[in-house]
Amino acid sequence: MARQSVCDMEFSKVYRALIQKAERKGRTKEEVDELAEWLCGYSPEQIDEAFDSDLTYGMFFQNAPAYNPQADLIKGKICGIQVETIEDPLMKKIRQFDKLVDELAKGKPMEKIKR
């Protein structure tokens, strides 16, 4: 059976998993949403709409209203991969968000996560 790319997965399933990761460490859905707003420019209502739609995770990042120019300051490893060395622009955006949620789950203060 072929592995499905994270880009092709349903947004709601991947996003739900990221929220659960944060919640297991005492953080909230609202904080994960705040990171999505900061990174991608979505409003809370747009995130909820995406969650209730058939949007893919890749499309969520491709359709970002205002991708934050500070995103290039996101550095470090996620899933064993150095974020700043990822060449595929879409995968880089996905991994940047993963890194932000990972830092949130590890207890880093929001003001430091948002660089």
C-alpha atoms as a PDB file:
ATOM      1  CA  MET A   1       0.000   0.000   0.000  1.00  0.00           C
ATOM      2  CA  ALA A   2       1.417   3.381  -1.031  1.00  0.00           C
ATOM      3  CA  ARG A   3       1.928   6.053   1.604  1.00  0.00           C
ATOM      4  CA  GLN A   4      -0.257   9.115   1.291  1.00  0.00           C
ATOM      5  CA  SER A   5       1.556  12.423   1.182  1.00  0.00           C
ATOM      6  CA  VAL A   6       0.707  14.802   4.021  1.00  0.00           C
ATOM      7  CA  CYS A   7      -0.166  17.332   1.304  1.00  0.00           C
ATOM      8  CA  ASP A   8      -3.011  15.098   0.118  1.00  0.00           C
ATOM      9  CA  MET A   9      -4.442  14.310   3.559  1.00  0.00           C
ATOM     10  CA  GLU A  10      -7.619  15.941   4.774  1.00  0.00           C
ATOM     11  CA  PHE A  11      -6.882  19.213   6.535  1.00  0.00           C
ATOM     12  CA  SER A  12      -9.268  18.359   9.374  1.00  0.00           C
ATOM     13  CA  LYS A  13      -7.489  15.077  10.191  1.00  0.00           C
ATOM     14  CA  VAL A  14      -3.982  16.537  10.254  1.00  0.00           C
ATOM     15  CA  TYR A  15      -5.048  19.692  12.089  1.00  0.00           C
ATOM     16  CA  ARG A  16      -6.967  17.638  14.662  1.00  0.00           C
ATOM     17  CA  ALA A  17      -3.819  15.589  15.331  1.00  0.00           C
ATOM     18  CA  LEU A  18      -1.787  18.782  15.848  1.00  0.00           C
ATOM     19  CA  ILE A  19      -4.412  20.134  18.258  1.00  0.00           C
ATOM     20  CA  GLN A  20      -4.377  16.856  20.190  1.00  0.00           C
ATOM     21  CA  LYS A  21      -0.583  16.995  20.414  1.00  0.00           C
ATOM     22  CA  ALA A  22      -0.773  20.488  21.894  1.00  0.00           C
ATOM     23  CA  GLU A  23      -3.630  19.585  24.258  1.00  0.00           C
ATOM     24  CA  ARG A  24      -1.740  16.567  25.635  1.00  0.00           C
ATOM     25  CA  LYS A  25       0.883  19.053  26.813  1.00  0.00           C
ATOM     26  CA  GLY A  26      -1.604  21.466  28.371  1.00  0.00           C
ATOM     27  CA  ARG A  27      -1.946  23.868  25.439  1.00  0.00           C
ATOM     28  CA  THR A  28      -5.172  24.766  23.608  1.00  0.00           C
ATOM     29  CA  LYS A  29      -6.821  24.660  20.197  1.00  0.00           C
ATOM     30  CA  GLU A  30      -6.952  28.457  20.340  1.00  0.00           C
ATOM     31  CA  GLU A  31      -3.162  28.583  20.622  1.00  0.00           C
ATOM     32  CA  VAL A  32      -2.756  26.284  17.609  1.00  0.00           C
ATOM     33  CA  ASP A  33      -5.221  28.501  15.723  1.00  0.00           C
ATOM     34  CA  GLU A  34      -3.198  31.562  16.757  1.00  0.00           C
ATOM     35  CA  LEU A  35      -0.108  30.005  15.196  1.00  0.00           C
ATOM     36  CA  ALA A  36      -2.015  29.253  11.966  1.00  0.00           C
ATOM     37  CA  GLU A  37      -3.249  32.851  11.928  1.00  0.00           C
ATOM     38  CA  TRP A  38       0.268  34.213  12.495  1.00  0.00           C
ATOM     39  CA  LEU A  39       1.927  31.967   9.916  1.00  0.00           C
ATOM     40  CA  CYS A  40      -0.702  31.849   7.176  1.00  0.00           C
ATOM     41  CA  GLY A  41      -2.908  34.899   7.681  1.00  0.00           C
ATOM     42  CA  TYR A  42      -6.137  32.975   8.211  1.00  0.00           C
ATOM     43  CA  SER A  43      -8.861  34.318  10.492  1.00  0.00           C
ATOM     44  CA  PRO A  44     -10.329  32.010  13.161  1.00  0.00           C
ATOM     45  CA  GLU A  45     -13.494  31.743  11.052  1.00  0.00           C
ATOM     46  CA  GLN A  46     -11.491  30.720   7.970  1.00  0.00           C
ATOM     47  CA  ILE A  47      -9.707  28.020   9.971  1.00  0.00           C
ATOM     48  CA  ASP A  48     -13.063  26.677  11.183  1.00  0.00           C
ATOM     49  CA  GLU A  49     -14.387  26.713   7.598  1.00  0.00           C
ATOM     50  CA  ALA A  50     -11.317  24.809   6.396  1.00  0.00           C
ATOM     51  CA  PHE A  51     -11.808  22.305   9.201  1.00  0.00           C
ATOM     52  CA  ASP A  52     -15.408  21.672   8.114  1.00  0.00           C
ATOM     53  CA  SER A  53     -14.566  21.398   4.397  1.00  0.00           C
ATOM     54  CA  ASP A  54     -12.899  18.762   2.223  1.00  0.00           C
ATOM     55  CA  LEU A  55      -9.763  20.917   1.883  1.00  0.00           C
ATOM     56  CA  THR A  56      -6.451  19.071   1.816  1.00  0.00           C
ATOM     57  CA  TYR A  57      -3.612  20.001   4.136  1.00  0.00           C
ATOM     58  CA  GLY A  58      -1.504  21.075   1.162  1.00  0.00           C
ATOM     59  CA  MET A  59      -4.287  23.317  -0.164  1.00  0.00           C
ATOM     60  CA  PHE A  60      -4.535  24.999   3.247  1.00  0.00           C
ATOM     61  CA  PHE A  61      -0.959  26.223   2.856  1.00  0.00           C
ATOM     62  CA  GLN A  62      -1.184  26.897  -0.892  1.00  0.00           C
ATOM     63  CA  ASN A  63      -4.243  29.104  -0.338  1.00  0.00           C
ATOM     64  CA  ALA A  64      -2.818  30.987   2.652  1.00  0.00           C
ATOM     65  CA  PRO A  65      -4.093  34.580   2.501  1.00  0.00           C
ATOM     66  CA  ALA A  66      -0.910  36.196   3.823  1.00  0.00           C
ATOM     67  CA  TYR A  67       2.043  33.912   4.516  1.00  0.00           C
ATOM     68  CA  ASN A  68       4.194  35.567   7.168  1.00  0.00           C
ATOM     69  CA  PRO A  69       7.568  36.846   5.873  1.00  0.00           C
ATOM     70  CA  GLN A  70       9.003  36.038   9.329  1.00  0.00           C
ATOM     71  CA  ALA A  71       8.527  32.330   8.527  1.00  0.00           C
ATOM     72  CA  ASP A  72      12.124  32.171   7.307  1.00  0.00           C
ATOM     73  CA  LEU A  73      13.193  32.675  10.924  1.00  0.00           C
ATOM     74  CA  ILE A  74      11.725  29.262  11.815  1.00  0.00           C
ATOM     75  CA  LYS A  75      14.728  26.994  12.235  1.00  0.00           C
ATOM     76  CA  GLY A  76      15.433  23.598  13.728  1.00  0.00           C
ATOM     77  CA  LYS A  77      14.547  19.983  13.171  1.00  0.00           C
ATOM     78  CA  ILE A  78      11.136  18.439  12.855  1.00  0.00           C
ATOM     79  CA  CYS A  79      10.732  14.746  12.077  1.00  0.00           C
ATOM     80  CA  GLY A  80      14.523  14.576  11.750  1.00  0.00           C
ATOM     81  CA  ILE A  81      14.599  17.151   8.956  1.00  0.00           C
ATOM     82  CA  GLN A  82      16.228  20.590   9.204  1.00  0.00           C
ATOM     83  CA  VAL A  83      13.336  22.939   8.365  1.00  0.00           C
ATOM     84  CA  GLU A  84      15.444  25.650   6.760  1.00  0.00           C
ATOM     85  CA  THR A  85      16.993  23.188   4.266  1.00  0.00           C
ATOM     86  CA  ILE A  86      13.710  21.924   2.781  1.00  0.00           C
ATOM     87  CA  GLU A  87      13.652  22.853  -0.902  1.00  0.00           C
ATOM     88  CA  ASP A  88      10.017  22.101  -1.797  1.00  0.00           C
ATOM     89  CA  PRO A  89       8.166  25.367  -0.935  1.00  0.00           C
ATOM     90  CA  LEU A  90       4.905  23.640   0.050  1.00  0.00           C
ATOM     91  CA  MET A  91       6.593  21.022   2.219  1.00  0.00           C
ATOM     92  CA  LYS A  92       8.679  23.751   3.835  1.00  0.00           C
ATOM     93  CA  LYS A  93       5.523  25.630   4.840  1.00  0.00           C
ATOM     94  CA  ILE A  94       3.990  22.452   6.233  1.00  0.00           C
ATOM     95  CA  ARG A  95       7.094  21.636   8.262  1.00  0.00           C
ATOM     96  CA  GLN A  96       7.384  25.225   9.494  1.00  0.00           C
ATOM     97  CA  PHE A  97       3.905  24.926  10.960  1.00  0.00           C
ATOM     98  CA  ASP A  98       4.767  21.524  12.434  1.00  0.00           C
ATOM     99  CA  LYS A  99       7.794  23.129  14.090  1.00  0.00           C
ATOM    100  CA  LEU A 100       5.685  25.913  15.594  1.00  0.00           C
ATOM    101  CA  VAL A 101       3.185  23.432  17.039  1.00  0.00           C
ATOM    102  CA  ASP A 102       6.054  21.283  18.329  1.00  0.00           C
ATOM    103  CA  GLU A 103       7.524  24.296  20.145  1.00  0.00           C
ATOM    104  CA  LEU A 104       4.078  25.093  21.564  1.00  0.00           C
ATOM    105  CA  ALA A 105       3.701  21.524  22.844  1.00  0.00           C
ATOM    106  CA  LYS A 106       7.137  21.726  24.453  1.00  0.00           C
ATOM    107  CA  GLY A 107       5.978  24.687  26.518  1.00  0.00           C
ATOM    108  CA  LYS A 108       7.720  27.521  24.723  1.00  0.00           C
ATOM    109  CA  PRO A 109       6.018  30.905  25.302  1.00  0.00           C
ATOM    110  CA  MET A 110       3.869  32.120  22.404  1.00  0.00           C
ATOM    111  CA  GLU A 111       5.816  35.384  22.026  1.00  0.00           C
ATOM    112  CA  LYS A 112       9.035  33.399  21.456  1.00  0.00           C
ATOM    113  CA  ILE A 113       7.382  30.942  19.065  1.00  0.00           C
ATOM    114  CA  LYS A 114       6.097  33.771  16.879  1.00  0.00           C
ATOM    115  CA  ARG A 115       9.626  35.202  16.560  1.00  0.00           C
END
